[in-house]
Amino acid sequence: MKIKADTGRCIGAGMCALTLPEVFDQSEEDGTVVVLDAEPPAALRPAVNRSVQLCPSGALSVEE
């Protein structure tokens, strides 16, 4: 699993960082998503999928 983030599409809502702070953060400059671990362990798959679903702008995706 590999996480992709489109920072141009991100609106800085922060749902990803709130849901899974060990994988996502927000930029200090503009609040857009920062992926801390683009290839997290398989054990985090459900939480990653939840974060992708919660993203209001659709800026996150997962590639298998």
C-alpha atoms as a PDB file:
ATOM      1  CA  MET A   1       0.000   0.000   0.000  1.00  0.00           C
ATOM      2  CA  LYS A   2       1.257   3.465  -0.937  1.00  0.00           C
ATOM      3  CA  ILE A   3      -0.453   6.704   0.066  1.00  0.00           C
ATOM      4  CA  LYS A   4      -0.734   9.486  -2.491  1.00  0.00           C
ATOM      5  CA  ALA A   5      -1.620  13.047  -1.535  1.00  0.00           C
ATOM      6  CA  ASP A   6      -2.597  15.829  -3.912  1.00  0.00           C
ATOM      7  CA  THR A   7      -1.562  18.965  -2.025  1.00  0.00           C
ATOM      8  CA  GLY A   8      -3.053  21.132  -4.755  1.00  0.00           C
ATOM      9  CA  ARG A   9      -6.462  19.640  -4.031  1.00  0.00           C
ATOM     10  CA  CYS A  10      -6.101  19.594  -0.224  1.00  0.00           C
ATOM     11  CA  ILE A  11      -8.158  22.220   1.620  1.00  0.00           C
ATOM     12  CA  GLY A  12      -6.386  21.777   4.964  1.00  0.00           C
ATOM     13  CA  ALA A  13      -9.350  20.335   6.870  1.00  0.00           C
ATOM     14  CA  GLY A  14      -6.972  18.142   8.885  1.00  0.00           C
ATOM     15  CA  MET A  15      -9.195  15.075   9.159  1.00  0.00           C
ATOM     16  CA  CYS A  16      -6.304  12.850   8.099  1.00  0.00           C
ATOM     17  CA  ALA A  17      -3.945  14.226  10.754  1.00  0.00           C
ATOM     18  CA  LEU A  18      -6.634  13.950  13.427  1.00  0.00           C
ATOM     19  CA  THR A  19      -7.504  10.392  12.428  1.00  0.00           C
ATOM     20  CA  LEU A  20      -3.981   9.032  11.942  1.00  0.00           C
ATOM     21  CA  PRO A  21      -1.297  11.393  13.280  1.00  0.00           C
ATOM     22  CA  GLU A  22       1.452   8.786  12.949  1.00  0.00           C
ATOM     23  CA  VAL A  23       0.985   8.834   9.147  1.00  0.00           C
ATOM     24  CA  PHE A  24      -0.344  12.344   8.368  1.00  0.00           C
ATOM     25  CA  ASP A  25       0.473  15.871   9.465  1.00  0.00           C
ATOM     26  CA  GLN A  26      -0.282  19.362   8.188  1.00  0.00           C
ATOM     27  CA  SER A  27       2.098  21.899   6.707  1.00  0.00           C
ATOM     28  CA  GLU A  28       3.020  24.787   8.992  1.00  0.00           C
ATOM     29  CA  GLU A  29       2.825  27.124   5.993  1.00  0.00           C
ATOM     30  CA  ASP A  30      -0.606  26.454   4.522  1.00  0.00           C
ATOM     31  CA  GLY A  31      -2.163  23.591   6.481  1.00  0.00           C
ATOM     32  CA  THR A  32      -2.109  21.141   3.575  1.00  0.00           C
ATOM     33  CA  VAL A  33      -1.477  17.457   4.112  1.00  0.00           C
ATOM     34  CA  VAL A  34       2.013  16.137   4.771  1.00  0.00           C
ATOM     35  CA  VAL A  35       2.428  12.377   4.471  1.00  0.00           C
ATOM     36  CA  LEU A  36       4.855  11.240   7.167  1.00  0.00           C
ATOM     37  CA  ASP A  37       4.844   7.579   6.098  1.00  0.00           C
ATOM     38  CA  ALA A  38       3.847   6.959   2.460  1.00  0.00           C
ATOM     39  CA  GLU A  39       4.120   3.181   2.914  1.00  0.00           C
ATOM     40  CA  PRO A  40       2.764   2.453   6.397  1.00  0.00           C
ATOM     41  CA  PRO A  41       2.597  -1.069   7.867  1.00  0.00           C
ATOM     42  CA  ALA A  42      -0.266  -3.311   6.801  1.00  0.00           C
ATOM     43  CA  ALA A  43      -1.688  -3.156  10.332  1.00  0.00           C
ATOM     44  CA  LEU A  44      -2.596   0.494   9.688  1.00  0.00           C
ATOM     45  CA  ARG A  45      -4.538  -0.270   6.481  1.00  0.00           C
ATOM     46  CA  PRO A  46      -8.019   0.132   8.063  1.00  0.00           C
ATOM     47  CA  ALA A  47      -7.068   3.475   9.611  1.00  0.00           C
ATOM     48  CA  VAL A  48      -5.461   4.677   6.364  1.00  0.00           C
ATOM     49  CA  ASN A  49      -8.579   3.734   4.409  1.00  0.00           C
ATOM     50  CA  ARG A  50     -10.715   5.579   6.965  1.00  0.00           C
ATOM     51  CA  SER A  51      -8.540   8.678   6.613  1.00  0.00           C
ATOM     52  CA  VAL A  52      -8.910   8.572   2.827  1.00  0.00           C
ATOM     53  CA  GLN A  53     -12.693   8.273   3.168  1.00  0.00           C
ATOM     54  CA  LEU A  54     -12.867  11.191   5.622  1.00  0.00           C
ATOM     55  CA  CYS A  55     -10.895  13.585   3.409  1.00  0.00           C
ATOM     56  CA  PRO A  56     -13.481  16.191   2.329  1.00  0.00           C
ATOM     57  CA  SER A  57     -11.515  17.299  -0.734  1.00  0.00           C
ATOM     58  CA  GLY A  58     -10.587  13.836  -2.007  1.00  0.00           C
ATOM     59  CA  ALA A  59      -6.895  14.729  -1.901  1.00  0.00           C
ATOM     60  CA  LEU A  60      -5.854  11.329  -0.541  1.00  0.00           C
ATOM     61  CA  SER A  61      -5.723   7.983  -2.294  1.00  0.00           C
ATOM     62  CA  VAL A  62      -4.174   4.570  -1.755  1.00  0.00           C
ATOM     63  CA  GLU A  63      -2.334   2.633  -4.414  1.00  0.00           C
ATOM     64  CA  GLU A  64      -1.978  -1.117  -3.938  1.00  0.00           C
END
